Amino acid sequence: MKKSMQTLVLAAAAGLAVLTTTGCAVVRDQQSVGAYVDDATITAAIKTRFVESKAVDAGAVKVETLNGTVQLSGFAKNATEKSQAEQLARGVKGVRAVQNNLTIRS
């Protein structure tokens, strides 16, 4: 029950972010409104997978998506966590490529 509530809250926050920031990307001519919404959906789905996963510290990984290319940045505890984060991101529908720029904490 607690896990589903967290997922619901995260999804609602992601939806609100999409609705309130859509105009900014289009004004900068980076992409169309549809592509921006798709990218925001991909980012939200990846973040949700990270929150649900015990293998990835969702708070330590930043996710950005542009035209289906996902960039992961931040910190991982070890190579396994870095790899798992990339695998989770690649498994999301619409992801074309993943740039894994996570730094392993030493």
Protein backbone atom coordinates (compact mmCIF):
# COMPACT_ATOMS: atom_id res chain seq x y z
CA MET A 1 0.00 0.00 0.00
CA LYS A 2 2.78 2.44 0.92
CA LYS A 3 4.69 1.65 -2.29
CA SER A 4 1.61 2.29 -4.46
CA MET A 5 0.97 5.57 -2.66
CA GLN A 6 4.56 6.68 -3.36
CA THR A 7 4.14 5.76 -7.00
CA LEU A 8 0.85 7.67 -7.20
CA VAL A 9 2.37 10.77 -5.61
CA LEU A 10 5.39 10.62 -7.94
CA ALA A 11 3.16 10.21 -10.99
CA ALA A 12 1.00 13.15 -9.92
CA ALA A 13 4.07 15.33 -9.41
CA ALA A 14 5.43 14.35 -12.81
CA GLY A 15 2.08 15.13 -14.43
CA LEU A 16 1.97 18.53 -12.77
CA ALA A 17 5.51 19.25 -13.95
CA VAL A 18 4.53 18.38 -17.52
CA LEU A 19 1.51 20.66 -17.43
CA THR A 20 3.35 23.61 -15.93
CA THR A 21 6.56 23.50 -17.97
CA THR A 22 5.47 22.45 -21.45
CA GLY A 23 5.48 25.98 -22.87
CA CYS A 24 9.08 26.71 -21.92
CA ALA A 25 10.66 24.06 -24.12
CA VAL A 26 8.59 24.95 -27.17
CA VAL A 27 9.41 28.65 -26.83
CA ARG A 28 13.11 27.79 -26.98
CA ASP A 29 12.42 25.79 -30.16
CA GLN A 30 14.05 22.69 -28.74
CA GLN A 31 11.25 20.37 -29.76
CA SER A 32 7.53 20.15 -30.40
CA VAL A 33 4.96 20.07 -27.61
CA GLY A 34 4.29 16.39 -28.32
CA ALA A 35 7.98 15.49 -28.14
CA TYR A 36 8.37 17.45 -24.92
CA VAL A 37 5.44 15.62 -23.33
CA ASP A 38 6.88 12.28 -24.52
CA ASP A 39 10.25 13.16 -22.95
CA ALA A 40 8.61 14.21 -19.68
CA THR A 41 6.67 10.93 -19.64
CA ILE A 42 9.88 8.94 -20.20
CA THR A 43 11.65 10.85 -17.40
CA ALA A 44 8.75 10.25 -15.00
CA ALA A 45 8.63 6.54 -15.85
CA ILE A 46 12.36 6.15 -15.24
CA LYS A 47 12.20 8.01 -11.94
CA THR A 48 9.27 5.81 -10.88
CA ARG A 49 11.29 2.68 -11.68
CA PHE A 50 14.18 4.04 -9.61
CA VAL A 51 11.89 4.74 -6.64
CA GLU A 52 10.43 1.24 -6.86
CA SER A 53 13.86 -0.41 -7.19
CA LYS A 54 15.89 -1.34 -4.15
CA ALA A 55 19.04 -1.43 -6.32
CA VAL A 56 19.08 2.28 -7.26
CA ASP A 57 19.11 5.32 -4.95
CA ALA A 58 16.53 7.47 -6.77
CA GLY A 59 17.55 10.57 -4.84
CA ALA A 60 21.15 10.38 -6.05
CA VAL A 61 20.39 10.05 -9.78
CA LYS A 62 19.26 12.92 -12.00
CA VAL A 63 17.34 11.98 -15.15
CA GLU A 64 17.00 14.23 -18.20
CA THR A 65 15.42 13.29 -21.52
CA LEU A 66 15.61 15.04 -24.89
CA ASN A 67 14.07 13.50 -28.00
CA GLY A 68 14.11 10.04 -26.44
CA THR A 69 17.77 10.20 -25.38
CA VAL A 70 18.12 9.81 -21.61
CA GLN A 71 21.02 11.23 -19.65
CA LEU A 72 21.72 9.87 -16.18
CA SER A 73 23.92 11.95 -13.90
CA GLY A 74 24.73 11.98 -10.23
CA PHE A 75 26.24 9.30 -8.06
CA ALA A 76 26.12 5.53 -7.74
CA LYS A 77 27.41 3.53 -4.78
CA ASN A 78 29.10 0.97 -7.03
CA ALA A 79 29.32 -0.35 -10.60
CA THR A 80 26.32 -2.62 -10.03
CA GLU A 81 24.06 0.31 -9.12
CA LYS A 82 25.33 2.29 -12.14
CA SER A 83 24.59 -0.63 -14.45
CA GLN A 84 21.19 -1.30 -12.89
CA ALA A 85 20.17 2.35 -13.34
CA GLU A 86 21.05 2.16 -17.03
CA GLN A 87 19.16 -1.12 -17.48
CA LEU A 88 16.06 0.28 -15.80
CA ALA A 89 16.19 3.38 -18.02
CA ARG A 90 16.66 1.32 -21.21
CA GLY A 91 13.59 -0.72 -20.34
CA VAL A 92 11.23 2.26 -20.54
CA LYS A 93 9.10 2.56 -23.67
CA GLY A 94 10.25 5.38 -25.95
CA VAL A 95 13.88 5.44 -24.82
CA ARG A 96 16.15 5.61 -27.88
CA ALA A 97 19.50 5.85 -26.11
CA VAL A 98 20.96 6.18 -22.61
CA GLN A 99 24.00 8.25 -21.72
CA ASN A 100 25.14 6.91 -18.36
CA ASN A 101 27.21 9.67 -16.75
CA LEU A 102 26.84 8.39 -13.20
CA THR A 103 29.96 8.72 -11.08
CA ILE A 104 30.82 5.90 -8.71
CA ARG A 105 31.50 7.16 -5.22
CA SER A 106 34.82 5.97 -3.91
